[in-house]
N, C-alpha and C. Protein backbone atom coordinates (compact mmCIF):
# COMPACT_ATOMS: atom_id res chain seq x y z
N MET A 1 109.06 91.62 80.92
CA MET A 1 109.12 92.83 81.75
C MET A 1 109.69 93.96 80.92
N VAL A 2 110.72 93.72 80.13
CA VAL A 2 111.32 94.80 79.35
C VAL A 2 110.31 95.36 78.40
N GLN A 3 109.63 94.47 77.72
CA GLN A 3 108.57 94.96 76.80
C GLN A 3 107.53 95.83 77.49
N HIS A 4 107.15 95.43 78.72
CA HIS A 4 106.13 96.14 79.46
C HIS A 4 106.64 97.55 79.75
N ASN A 5 107.85 97.66 80.25
CA ASN A 5 108.42 98.97 80.54
C ASN A 5 108.62 99.89 79.36
N ARG A 6 108.98 99.23 78.19
CA ARG A 6 109.16 100.05 77.01
C ARG A 6 107.80 100.59 76.58
N ILE A 7 106.73 99.83 76.68
CA ILE A 7 105.38 100.31 76.30
C ILE A 7 104.97 101.43 77.23
N LEU A 8 105.24 101.35 78.50
CA LEU A 8 104.93 102.41 79.51
C LEU A 8 105.47 103.74 79.15
N PHE A 9 106.75 103.71 78.61
CA PHE A 9 107.46 104.98 78.36
C PHE A 9 107.42 105.37 76.90
N ALA A 10 106.74 104.66 76.08
CA ALA A 10 106.65 104.96 74.60
C ALA A 10 105.80 106.16 74.43
N ALA A 11 106.07 106.94 73.44
CA ALA A 11 105.32 108.20 73.09
C ALA A 11 103.97 107.80 72.52
N LYS A 12 103.88 106.67 71.71
CA LYS A 12 102.67 106.35 71.21
C LYS A 12 102.46 104.85 71.22
N LEU A 13 101.24 104.40 70.97
CA LEU A 13 101.03 102.87 71.06
C LEU A 13 101.59 102.23 69.90
N ASP A 14 101.92 100.90 70.04
CA ASP A 14 102.53 100.16 69.03
C ASP A 14 101.48 99.61 68.03
N ARG A 15 100.21 99.87 68.30
CA ARG A 15 99.25 99.41 67.29
C ARG A 15 98.06 100.36 67.31
N GLU A 16 97.25 100.33 66.25
CA GLU A 16 96.12 101.27 66.12
C GLU A 16 94.89 100.67 66.95
N PRO A 17 93.96 101.58 67.30
CA PRO A 17 92.73 101.11 67.94
C PRO A 17 91.94 100.03 67.10
N ALA A 18 91.26 99.11 67.71
CA ALA A 18 90.62 98.02 67.11
C ALA A 18 89.51 98.47 66.18
N GLY A 19 88.91 99.60 66.34
CA GLY A 19 87.87 100.17 65.45
C GLY A 19 86.53 99.50 65.73
N ILE A 20 86.34 98.97 66.86
CA ILE A 20 85.05 98.36 67.20
C ILE A 20 84.62 99.06 68.55
N SER A 21 83.35 99.37 68.64
CA SER A 21 82.90 100.08 69.88
C SER A 21 82.62 99.04 70.91
N LEU A 22 82.67 99.57 72.20
CA LEU A 22 82.44 98.69 73.22
C LEU A 22 81.01 98.13 73.28
N THR A 23 80.07 98.92 72.78
CA THR A 23 78.67 98.43 72.69
C THR A 23 78.54 97.23 71.69
N GLU A 24 79.27 97.36 70.62
CA GLU A 24 79.24 96.25 69.61
C GLU A 24 79.91 95.03 70.21
N LEU A 25 80.98 95.25 70.88
CA LEU A 25 81.69 94.17 71.48
C LEU A 25 80.76 93.46 72.58
N ALA A 26 80.11 94.21 73.32
CA ALA A 26 79.17 93.67 74.32
C ALA A 26 78.00 92.83 73.69
N GLU A 27 77.53 93.43 72.56
CA GLU A 27 76.50 92.70 71.79
C GLU A 27 77.01 91.33 71.22
N ILE A 28 78.15 91.36 70.78
CA ILE A 28 78.74 90.07 70.19
C ILE A 28 78.96 89.08 71.34
N ASN A 29 79.55 89.54 72.50
CA ASN A 29 79.72 88.65 73.62
C ASN A 29 78.36 88.10 74.15
N ALA A 30 77.40 88.89 74.21
CA ALA A 30 76.03 88.43 74.64
C ALA A 30 75.52 87.40 73.81
N TYR A 31 75.67 87.64 72.40
CA TYR A 31 75.17 86.65 71.38
C TYR A 31 75.93 85.33 71.55
N ASN A 32 77.36 85.42 71.64
CA ASN A 32 78.08 84.21 71.80
C ASN A 32 77.78 83.51 73.05
N ALA A 33 77.46 84.16 74.12
CA ALA A 33 77.13 83.44 75.35
C ALA A 33 75.81 82.78 75.23
N SER A 34 74.83 83.41 74.52
CA SER A 34 73.55 82.68 74.40
C SER A 34 73.68 81.40 73.55
N VAL A 35 74.52 81.49 72.51
CA VAL A 35 74.72 80.33 71.68
C VAL A 35 75.42 79.16 72.41
N CYS A 36 76.33 79.55 73.23
CA CYS A 36 77.02 78.57 74.14
C CYS A 36 76.06 77.84 75.05
N TRP A 37 75.18 78.61 75.63
CA TRP A 37 74.16 78.04 76.57
C TRP A 37 73.25 77.20 75.77
N GLN A 38 72.87 77.47 74.48
CA GLN A 38 72.02 76.68 73.70
C GLN A 38 72.69 75.32 73.38
N TRP A 39 73.95 75.39 72.94
CA TRP A 39 74.73 74.17 72.65
C TRP A 39 74.95 73.30 73.87
N ARG A 40 75.13 73.93 75.13
CA ARG A 40 75.25 73.17 76.29
C ARG A 40 73.95 72.36 76.65
N LYS A 41 72.85 73.16 76.55
CA LYS A 41 71.57 72.46 76.88
C LYS A 41 71.32 71.40 75.94
N GLN A 42 71.68 71.55 74.64
CA GLN A 42 71.41 70.52 73.60
C GLN A 42 72.35 69.32 73.99
N ALA A 43 73.54 69.64 74.30
CA ALA A 43 74.41 68.45 74.60
C ALA A 43 74.01 67.63 75.83
N LEU A 44 73.60 68.39 76.82
CA LEU A 44 73.16 67.63 78.01
C LEU A 44 71.82 66.90 77.78
N GLY A 45 70.96 67.47 76.98
CA GLY A 45 69.81 66.75 76.54
C GLY A 45 70.05 65.43 75.83
N LEU A 46 71.01 65.56 74.75
CA LEU A 46 71.31 64.34 74.01
C LEU A 46 72.01 63.26 74.97
N LYS A 47 72.80 63.81 75.84
CA LYS A 47 73.52 62.85 76.80
C LYS A 47 72.42 62.10 77.65
N ALA A 48 71.50 62.78 78.13
CA ALA A 48 70.40 62.22 78.94
C ALA A 48 69.62 61.26 78.07
N PHE A 49 69.29 61.57 76.86
CA PHE A 49 68.63 60.84 75.95
C PHE A 49 69.30 59.46 75.67
N TYR A 50 70.61 59.60 75.40
CA TYR A 50 71.43 58.40 75.09
C TYR A 50 71.43 57.46 76.33
N LYS A 51 71.64 58.14 77.56
CA LYS A 51 71.69 57.24 78.67
C LYS A 51 70.41 56.55 78.94
N GLU A 52 69.26 57.19 78.61
CA GLU A 52 67.89 56.58 78.78
C GLU A 52 67.77 55.38 77.69
N LEU A 53 68.30 55.59 76.52
CA LEU A 53 68.20 54.54 75.51
C LEU A 53 69.03 53.31 75.97
N LEU A 54 70.17 53.56 76.59
CA LEU A 54 70.92 52.46 77.13
C LEU A 54 70.21 51.74 78.29
N ARG A 55 69.51 52.51 79.09
CA ARG A 55 68.86 51.98 80.29
C ARG A 55 67.77 51.06 79.93
N VAL A 56 66.98 51.46 78.87
CA VAL A 56 65.81 50.63 78.52
C VAL A 56 66.16 49.59 77.45
N GLY A 57 67.42 49.58 76.96
CA GLY A 57 67.91 48.38 76.20
C GLY A 57 67.68 48.67 74.80
N THR A 58 67.36 49.92 74.31
CA THR A 58 67.13 50.20 72.92
C THR A 58 68.42 50.04 72.09
N ILE A 59 69.50 50.33 72.66
CA ILE A 59 70.83 50.25 72.12
C ILE A 59 71.48 48.98 72.54
N GLY A 60 71.95 48.09 71.66
CA GLY A 60 72.65 46.98 72.04
C GLY A 60 74.03 47.16 72.75
N ASP A 61 74.53 46.12 73.22
CA ASP A 61 75.78 46.21 73.96
C ASP A 61 77.01 46.09 73.02
N SER A 62 76.84 46.02 71.74
CA SER A 62 77.94 45.89 70.75
C SER A 62 78.68 47.20 70.62
N GLY A 63 79.57 47.53 71.53
CA GLY A 63 80.41 48.69 71.38
C GLY A 63 79.80 49.89 72.02
N SER A 64 78.68 49.86 72.59
CA SER A 64 78.06 51.07 73.15
C SER A 64 78.74 51.48 74.41
N ARG A 65 78.92 52.82 74.58
CA ARG A 65 79.54 53.28 75.77
C ARG A 65 78.76 54.43 76.30
N ILE A 66 78.66 54.50 77.66
CA ILE A 66 77.90 55.71 78.22
C ILE A 66 78.97 56.83 78.30
N ILE A 67 78.52 58.04 77.89
CA ILE A 67 79.32 59.20 77.81
C ILE A 67 79.25 59.81 79.23
N ARG A 68 80.37 59.99 79.80
CA ARG A 68 80.38 60.60 81.15
C ARG A 68 80.87 62.04 81.12
């Protein structure tokens, strides 16, 4: 709380601006979000594929586990 009050009454900021525009930041966030969705889709697809392999008996029971 003390740090917060000190910043409120300071004459200048304690750090310089980041030097990145909000547009560039939004583009980076959008790209990262799309990559996350791609990884999620791939992970869910691999999980379903592995479960199907276990169901049809393609993978033996020696140490196999279903990922939940």
